[in-house]
Amino acid sequence: MSGTSAIRNRSAVRSQAALVVVAIVAFASPCCNSRTAGYPPLGKVTGVVTRGGQPVAGVTVLFQPVAGGRASVGVTDSAGRYTLRFTEVADGAMVGDHTVTLSVDPDESDARATLRGVEGLGKQFSFTVKPGRNTFAIETASD
């Protein structure tokens, strides 16, 4: 094999390798993920709900897009943390302005007792979800 042929072969191998890398990145990218194909732009949303600085468990956090569209929901854990879900396979909320409400499942007696007298239930909060990661702390006040 001549020197010129070897150079052409190495160049062809590099080109093929570059195409493989581009294909892997495209299919691994969230924007091209078949599980979320066709969804509107989403931002990942996490946060914490507190009352008087203490975490509150069992609170449902609902983000409703102001412009309309599917709401996202999360439930706080024992540390008051929540992660929003858009669908069963997609975490996050639609990018844009949201009206946020807190509620408690009537069957969650511990959460109801903890939240008795909390002004945040029924009150609406406003947050703007941006592309990428978003963290929103929600402090509820006592009566």
N, C-alpha and C. Protein backbone atom coordinates (compact mmCIF):
# COMPACT_ATOMS: atom_id res chain seq x y z
N MET A 1 0.85 -1.17 0.00
CA MET A 1 0.00 0.00 0.00
C MET A 1 0.90 1.23 0.00
N SER A 2 0.57 2.16 -0.87
CA SER A 2 1.39 3.37 -0.95
C SER A 2 1.04 4.31 0.18
N GLY A 3 1.87 5.30 0.40
CA GLY A 3 1.66 6.29 1.46
C GLY A 3 0.36 7.06 1.28
N THR A 4 0.02 7.36 0.02
CA THR A 4 -1.20 8.10 -0.26
C THR A 4 -2.43 7.27 0.09
N SER A 5 -2.41 5.99 -0.22
CA SER A 5 -3.54 5.10 0.08
C SER A 5 -3.73 4.97 1.59
N ALA A 6 -2.65 4.87 2.32
CA ALA A 6 -2.73 4.74 3.78
C ALA A 6 -3.34 6.00 4.39
N ILE A 7 -2.97 7.16 3.86
CA ILE A 7 -3.52 8.42 4.37
C ILE A 7 -5.02 8.48 4.09
N ARG A 8 -5.44 8.07 2.87
CA ARG A 8 -6.86 8.07 2.52
C ARG A 8 -7.64 7.12 3.43
N ASN A 9 -7.08 5.95 3.70
CA ASN A 9 -7.75 4.98 4.57
C ASN A 9 -7.92 5.52 5.99
N ARG A 10 -6.87 6.15 6.52
CA ARG A 10 -6.98 6.73 7.86
C ARG A 10 -8.02 7.84 7.89
N SER A 11 -8.07 8.63 6.83
CA SER A 11 -9.05 9.71 6.74
C SER A 11 -10.47 9.14 6.68
N ALA A 12 -10.66 8.07 5.94
CA ALA A 12 -11.98 7.44 5.84
C ALA A 12 -12.40 6.87 7.19
N VAL A 13 -11.46 6.25 7.91
CA VAL A 13 -11.76 5.68 9.22
C VAL A 13 -12.15 6.80 10.20
N ARG A 14 -11.43 7.90 10.16
CA ARG A 14 -11.76 9.04 11.04
C ARG A 14 -13.15 9.58 10.71
N SER A 15 -13.49 9.69 9.45
CA SER A 15 -14.80 10.19 9.05
C SER A 15 -15.90 9.26 9.54
N GLN A 16 -15.69 7.96 9.40
CA GLN A 16 -16.68 6.99 9.87
C GLN A 16 -16.82 7.07 11.39
N ALA A 17 -15.72 7.20 12.09
CA ALA A 17 -15.76 7.30 13.55
C ALA A 17 -16.52 8.56 13.97
N ALA A 18 -16.30 9.66 13.26
CA ALA A 18 -17.00 10.90 13.58
C ALA A 18 -18.50 10.74 13.38
N LEU A 19 -18.91 10.05 12.31
CA LEU A 19 -20.33 9.82 12.07
C LEU A 19 -20.95 8.96 13.17
N VAL A 20 -20.22 7.97 13.64
CA VAL A 20 -20.71 7.11 14.72
C VAL A 20 -20.91 7.94 15.99
N VAL A 21 -19.96 8.79 16.31
CA VAL A 21 -20.07 9.65 17.50
C VAL A 21 -21.28 10.57 17.37
N VAL A 22 -21.47 11.19 16.22
CA VAL A 22 -22.60 12.09 16.01
C VAL A 22 -23.91 11.32 16.17
N ALA A 23 -24.00 10.12 15.64
CA ALA A 23 -25.22 9.31 15.75
C ALA A 23 -25.50 8.96 17.20
N ILE A 24 -24.48 8.58 17.95
CA ILE A 24 -24.66 8.22 19.37
C ILE A 24 -25.15 9.43 20.15
N VAL A 25 -24.54 10.57 19.95
CA VAL A 25 -24.94 11.79 20.67
C VAL A 25 -26.38 12.16 20.31
N ALA A 26 -26.74 12.07 19.05
CA ALA A 26 -28.09 12.43 18.63
C ALA A 26 -29.13 11.54 19.27
N PHE A 27 -28.89 10.24 19.31
CA PHE A 27 -29.88 9.32 19.88
C PHE A 27 -29.88 9.34 21.40
N ALA A 28 -28.80 9.72 22.02
CA ALA A 28 -28.75 9.77 23.48
C ALA A 28 -29.27 11.10 24.01
N SER A 29 -29.34 12.10 23.17
CA SER A 29 -29.77 13.43 23.59
C SER A 29 -31.24 13.42 23.98
N PRO A 30 -31.61 14.12 25.07
CA PRO A 30 -33.01 14.17 25.48
C PRO A 30 -33.93 14.71 24.40
N CYS A 31 -33.44 15.62 23.57
CA CYS A 31 -34.31 16.19 22.55
C CYS A 31 -34.67 15.17 21.48
N CYS A 32 -33.88 14.13 21.37
CA CYS A 32 -34.14 13.12 20.35
C CYS A 32 -34.57 11.79 20.97
N ASN A 33 -34.78 11.75 22.25
CA ASN A 33 -35.16 10.54 22.96
C ASN A 33 -36.56 10.14 22.51
N SER A 34 -36.73 8.91 22.04
CA SER A 34 -38.03 8.47 21.53
C SER A 34 -39.08 8.48 22.62
N ARG A 35 -38.67 8.36 23.89
CA ARG A 35 -39.64 8.37 24.98
C ARG A 35 -40.28 9.74 25.14
N THR A 36 -39.61 10.81 24.75
CA THR A 36 -40.14 12.16 24.91
C THR A 36 -40.36 12.87 23.58
N ALA A 37 -40.27 12.13 22.49
CA ALA A 37 -40.48 12.74 21.18
C ALA A 37 -41.89 13.31 21.09
N GLY A 38 -42.01 14.49 20.56
CA GLY A 38 -43.30 15.12 20.41
C GLY A 38 -43.75 15.93 21.62
N TYR A 39 -42.99 15.91 22.69
CA TYR A 39 -43.33 16.70 23.88
C TYR A 39 -42.91 18.15 23.66
N PRO A 40 -43.57 19.07 24.35
CA PRO A 40 -43.12 20.47 24.28
C PRO A 40 -41.79 20.58 25.03
N PRO A 41 -41.08 21.69 24.88
CA PRO A 41 -39.83 21.87 25.63
C PRO A 41 -40.10 21.79 27.14
N LEU A 42 -39.28 21.00 27.82
CA LEU A 42 -39.44 20.80 29.27
C LEU A 42 -38.20 21.25 30.01
N GLY A 43 -38.39 21.72 31.23
CA GLY A 43 -37.30 22.01 32.15
C GLY A 43 -37.42 21.06 33.32
N LYS A 44 -36.32 20.54 33.81
CA LYS A 44 -36.33 19.69 35.01
C LYS A 44 -36.66 20.57 36.21
N VAL A 45 -37.57 20.12 37.07
CA VAL A 45 -37.99 20.93 38.22
C VAL A 45 -37.93 20.09 39.49
N THR A 46 -37.17 20.60 40.45
CA THR A 46 -37.11 20.01 41.79
C THR A 46 -37.24 21.15 42.79
N GLY A 47 -37.43 20.78 44.04
CA GLY A 47 -37.51 21.81 45.06
C GLY A 47 -37.85 21.21 46.40
N VAL A 48 -38.21 22.10 47.32
CA VAL A 48 -38.56 21.68 48.67
C VAL A 48 -39.70 22.55 49.17
N VAL A 49 -40.60 21.94 49.93
CA VAL A 49 -41.69 22.67 50.57
C VAL A 49 -41.42 22.66 52.07
N THR A 50 -41.44 23.85 52.66
CA THR A 50 -41.18 23.96 54.10
C THR A 50 -42.27 24.79 54.76
N ARG A 51 -42.39 24.60 56.04
CA ARG A 51 -43.27 25.40 56.89
C ARG A 51 -42.44 25.86 58.08
N GLY A 52 -42.25 27.14 58.21
CA GLY A 52 -41.42 27.65 59.29
C GLY A 52 -40.00 27.10 59.23
N GLY A 53 -39.52 26.86 58.01
CA GLY A 53 -38.17 26.35 57.82
C GLY A 53 -38.04 24.85 57.95
N GLN A 54 -39.12 24.16 58.31
CA GLN A 54 -39.09 22.70 58.47
C GLN A 54 -39.72 22.03 57.25
N PRO A 55 -39.15 20.92 56.77
CA PRO A 55 -39.72 20.24 55.60
C PRO A 55 -41.11 19.68 55.89
N VAL A 56 -41.94 19.67 54.85
CA VAL A 56 -43.29 19.14 54.98
C VAL A 56 -43.45 17.99 53.98
N ALA A 57 -43.80 16.82 54.49
CA ALA A 57 -43.98 15.62 53.65
C ALA A 57 -45.43 15.47 53.23
N GLY A 58 -45.65 14.78 52.11
CA GLY A 58 -46.99 14.44 51.67
C GLY A 58 -47.78 15.54 51.01
N VAL A 59 -47.11 16.58 50.55
CA VAL A 59 -47.79 17.69 49.87
C VAL A 59 -47.69 17.48 48.36
N THR A 60 -48.82 17.62 47.68
CA THR A 60 -48.84 17.55 46.22
C THR A 60 -48.55 18.94 45.68
N VAL A 61 -47.56 19.04 44.80
CA VAL A 61 -47.15 20.31 44.18
C VAL A 61 -47.57 20.24 42.71
N LEU A 62 -48.44 21.17 42.29
CA LEU A 62 -48.97 21.18 40.93
C LEU A 62 -48.52 22.44 40.21
N PHE A 63 -47.82 22.27 39.09
CA PHE A 63 -47.39 23.37 38.23
C PHE A 63 -48.30 23.37 37.01
N GLN A 64 -49.13 24.42 36.86
CA GLN A 64 -50.03 24.54 35.71
C GLN A 64 -49.53 25.66 34.81
N PRO A 65 -49.21 25.37 33.54
CA PRO A 65 -48.74 26.43 32.64
C PRO A 65 -49.79 27.52 32.46
N VAL A 66 -49.38 28.78 32.59
CA VAL A 66 -50.28 29.91 32.44
C VAL A 66 -50.83 29.96 31.01
N ALA A 67 -50.02 29.62 30.02
CA ALA A 67 -50.43 29.69 28.63
C ALA A 67 -51.28 28.49 28.22
N GLY A 68 -51.54 27.58 29.15
CA GLY A 68 -52.31 26.38 28.83
C GLY A 68 -51.39 25.21 28.54
N GLY A 69 -51.94 24.05 28.63
CA GLY A 69 -51.16 22.84 28.39
C GLY A 69 -51.19 21.92 29.59
N ARG A 70 -50.49 20.83 29.47
CA ARG A 70 -50.47 19.80 30.50
C ARG A 70 -49.76 20.27 31.76
N ALA A 71 -50.36 20.01 32.91
CA ALA A 71 -49.75 20.34 34.19
C ALA A 71 -48.72 19.26 34.55
N SER A 72 -47.82 19.61 35.46
CA SER A 72 -46.85 18.68 36.01
C SER A 72 -47.08 18.59 37.51
N VAL A 73 -46.78 17.43 38.07
CA VAL A 73 -47.08 17.22 39.48
C VAL A 73 -45.97 16.46 40.18
N GLY A 74 -45.81 16.74 41.47
CA GLY A 74 -44.86 16.02 42.31
C GLY A 74 -45.42 15.95 43.72
N VAL A 75 -44.89 15.04 44.52
CA VAL A 75 -45.30 14.90 45.91
C VAL A 75 -44.06 14.96 46.78
N THR A 76 -44.12 15.72 47.87
CA THR A 76 -42.95 15.88 48.73
C THR A 76 -42.68 14.60 49.52
N ASP A 77 -41.40 14.33 49.72
CA ASP A 77 -40.98 13.19 50.53
C ASP A 77 -40.78 13.64 51.97
N SER A 78 -40.20 12.79 52.80
CA SER A 78 -40.04 13.11 54.22
C SER A 78 -39.14 14.33 54.47
N ALA A 79 -38.30 14.67 53.49
CA ALA A 79 -37.43 15.84 53.61
C ALA A 79 -38.05 17.07 52.94
N GLY A 80 -39.32 16.97 52.50
CA GLY A 80 -40.00 18.08 51.85
C GLY A 80 -39.62 18.26 50.39
N ARG A 81 -38.80 17.35 49.84
CA ARG A 81 -38.33 17.47 48.45
C ARG A 81 -39.36 16.92 47.47
N TYR A 82 -39.42 17.56 46.30
CA TYR A 82 -40.29 17.06 45.23
C TYR A 82 -39.54 17.13 43.91
N THR A 83 -39.95 16.27 42.98
CA THR A 83 -39.50 16.28 41.59
C THR A 83 -40.75 16.23 40.74
N LEU A 84 -40.89 17.16 39.80
CA LEU A 84 -42.09 17.18 38.96
C LEU A 84 -42.02 16.14 37.86
N ARG A 85 -43.18 15.56 37.58
CA ARG A 85 -43.34 14.61 36.47
C ARG A 85 -44.31 15.23 35.46
N PHE A 86 -43.93 15.18 34.19
CA PHE A 86 -44.80 15.66 33.12
C PHE A 86 -45.69 14.51 32.64
N THR A 87 -45.07 13.35 32.49
CA THR A 87 -45.79 12.11 32.15
C THR A 87 -45.11 10.98 32.90
N GLU A 88 -45.58 9.77 32.69
CA GLU A 88 -44.96 8.62 33.36
C GLU A 88 -43.51 8.43 32.95
N VAL A 89 -43.15 8.90 31.75
CA VAL A 89 -41.78 8.68 31.26
C VAL A 89 -40.95 9.96 31.17
N ALA A 90 -41.56 11.10 31.51
CA ALA A 90 -40.82 12.35 31.36
C ALA A 90 -40.92 13.20 32.63
N ASP A 91 -39.77 13.51 33.21
CA ASP A 91 -39.71 14.42 34.36
C ASP A 91 -39.69 15.85 33.85
N GLY A 92 -40.21 16.77 34.67
CA GLY A 92 -40.11 18.19 34.35
C GLY A 92 -41.45 18.85 34.18
N ALA A 93 -41.39 20.08 33.69
CA ALA A 93 -42.58 20.89 33.42
C ALA A 93 -42.33 21.68 32.14
N MET A 94 -43.42 22.07 31.50
CA MET A 94 -43.28 22.87 30.28
C MET A 94 -42.53 24.15 30.59
N VAL A 95 -41.68 24.57 29.67
CA VAL A 95 -40.94 25.82 29.81
C VAL A 95 -41.95 26.97 29.74
N GLY A 96 -41.82 27.92 30.68
CA GLY A 96 -42.71 29.08 30.69
C GLY A 96 -43.22 29.38 32.08
N ASP A 97 -44.17 30.32 32.14
CA ASP A 97 -44.74 30.75 33.42
C ASP A 97 -45.78 29.74 33.91
N HIS A 98 -45.78 29.54 35.23
CA HIS A 98 -46.69 28.57 35.84
C HIS A 98 -47.37 29.15 37.07
N THR A 99 -48.60 28.73 37.28
CA THR A 99 -49.30 28.95 38.53
C THR A 99 -49.12 27.67 39.33
N VAL A 100 -48.67 27.80 40.57
CA VAL A 100 -48.34 26.64 41.39
C VAL A 100 -49.27 26.59 42.60
N THR A 101 -49.85 25.41 42.83
CA THR A 101 -50.71 25.22 43.99
C THR A 101 -50.23 24.01 44.78
N LEU A 102 -50.52 24.05 46.07
CA LEU A 102 -50.19 22.95 46.98
C LEU A 102 -51.49 22.34 47.48
N SER A 103 -51.50 21.03 47.63
CA SER A 103 -52.67 20.37 48.19
C SER A 103 -52.21 19.14 48.96
N VAL A 104 -53.15 18.58 49.71
CA VAL A 104 -52.86 17.39 50.50
C VAL A 104 -53.94 16.36 50.22
N ASP A 105 -53.53 15.13 50.01
CA ASP A 105 -54.47 14.03 49.83
C ASP A 105 -55.27 13.87 51.12
N PRO A 106 -56.60 13.83 51.03
CA PRO A 106 -57.41 13.72 52.25
C PRO A 106 -57.08 12.47 53.07
N ASP A 107 -56.50 11.45 52.45
CA ASP A 107 -56.16 10.23 53.17
C ASP A 107 -54.83 10.34 53.92
N GLU A 108 -54.09 11.39 53.69
CA GLU A 108 -52.79 11.56 54.33
C GLU A 108 -52.96 12.34 55.63
N SER A 109 -53.37 11.66 56.68
CA SER A 109 -53.68 12.34 57.94
C SER A 109 -52.44 13.01 58.54
N ASP A 110 -51.26 12.40 58.38
CA ASP A 110 -50.04 13.02 58.92
C ASP A 110 -49.77 14.36 58.26
N ALA A 111 -49.91 14.40 56.93
CA ALA A 111 -49.67 15.65 56.20
C ALA A 111 -50.70 16.70 56.57
N ARG A 112 -51.97 16.30 56.72
CA ARG A 112 -53.01 17.26 57.09
C ARG A 112 -52.73 17.85 58.46
N ALA A 113 -52.32 16.99 59.39
CA ALA A 113 -52.03 17.48 60.74
C ALA A 113 -50.85 18.44 60.71
N THR A 114 -49.82 18.11 59.92
CA THR A 114 -48.65 18.98 59.83
C THR A 114 -49.00 20.31 59.20
N LEU A 115 -49.92 20.30 58.26
CA LEU A 115 -50.25 21.51 57.50
C LEU A 115 -51.43 22.28 58.07
N ARG A 116 -52.03 21.82 59.15
CA ARG A 116 -53.15 22.55 59.74
C ARG A 116 -52.71 23.98 60.02
N GLY A 117 -53.44 24.93 59.50
CA GLY A 117 -53.12 26.33 59.73
C GLY A 117 -52.08 26.90 58.78
N VAL A 118 -51.70 26.13 57.77
CA VAL A 118 -50.71 26.63 56.82
C VAL A 118 -51.39 27.48 55.76
N GLU A 119 -50.90 28.69 55.55
CA GLU A 119 -51.49 29.59 54.56
C GLU A 119 -51.23 29.15 53.13
N GLY A 120 -50.20 28.34 52.91
CA GLY A 120 -49.83 27.97 51.55
C GLY A 120 -50.82 27.08 50.85
N LEU A 121 -51.64 26.33 51.59
CA LEU A 121 -52.64 25.50 50.95
C LEU A 121 -53.72 26.38 50.37
N GLY A 122 -54.03 26.17 49.11
CA GLY A 122 -55.03 26.98 48.45
C GLY A 122 -54.45 28.27 47.89
N LYS A 123 -53.32 28.71 48.38
CA LYS A 123 -52.66 29.91 47.86
C LYS A 123 -51.94 29.54 46.57
N GLN A 124 -51.89 30.47 45.64
CA GLN A 124 -51.18 30.22 44.39
C GLN A 124 -49.83 30.93 44.41
N PHE A 125 -48.84 30.23 43.91
CA PHE A 125 -47.50 30.77 43.76
C PHE A 125 -47.24 30.90 42.27
N SER A 126 -46.27 31.70 41.88
CA SER A 126 -45.91 31.85 40.47
C SER A 126 -44.42 31.60 40.30
N PHE A 127 -44.10 30.74 39.33
CA PHE A 127 -42.70 30.45 38.99
C PHE A 127 -42.56 30.36 37.49
N THR A 128 -41.37 30.66 36.99
CA THR A 128 -41.06 30.53 35.57
C THR A 128 -40.07 29.39 35.40
N VAL A 129 -40.48 28.39 34.62
CA VAL A 129 -39.62 27.24 34.33
C VAL A 129 -38.80 27.57 33.09
N LYS A 130 -37.51 27.39 33.21
CA LYS A 130 -36.58 27.64 32.10
C LYS A 130 -36.02 26.31 31.60
N PRO A 131 -35.47 26.28 30.38
CA PRO A 131 -34.83 25.05 29.91
C PRO A 131 -33.70 24.66 30.87
N GLY A 132 -33.46 23.38 31.01
CA GLY A 132 -32.41 22.92 31.92
C GLY A 132 -32.97 22.62 33.30
N ARG A 133 -32.14 22.81 34.31
CA ARG A 133 -32.53 22.49 35.69
C ARG A 133 -33.09 23.71 36.41
N ASN A 134 -34.17 23.50 37.14
CA ASN A 134 -34.82 24.55 37.92
C ASN A 134 -35.03 24.03 39.33
N THR A 135 -34.79 24.87 40.33
CA THR A 135 -35.04 24.51 41.72
C THR A 135 -35.89 25.60 42.34
N PHE A 136 -37.05 25.20 42.88
CA PHE A 136 -37.96 26.17 43.48
C PHE A 136 -38.28 25.75 44.92
N ALA A 137 -37.91 26.61 45.86
CA ALA A 137 -38.26 26.39 47.25
C ALA A 137 -39.57 27.11 47.53
N ILE A 138 -40.48 26.40 48.19
CA ILE A 138 -41.78 26.97 48.52
C ILE A 138 -41.90 26.97 50.03
N GLU A 139 -41.92 28.15 50.59
CA GLU A 139 -42.05 28.33 52.05
C GLU A 139 -43.51 28.68 52.34
N THR A 140 -44.17 27.82 53.09
CA THR A 140 -45.54 28.11 53.50
C THR A 140 -45.47 28.76 54.88
N ALA A 141 -46.36 29.68 55.12
CA ALA A 141 -46.37 30.40 56.39
C ALA A 141 -47.44 29.82 57.31
N SER A 142 -47.23 29.93 58.58
CA SER A 142 -48.24 29.52 59.55
C SER A 142 -49.20 30.67 59.77
N ASP A 143 -50.42 30.31 60.17
CA ASP A 143 -51.41 31.35 60.51
C ASP A 143 -50.94 32.17 61.68
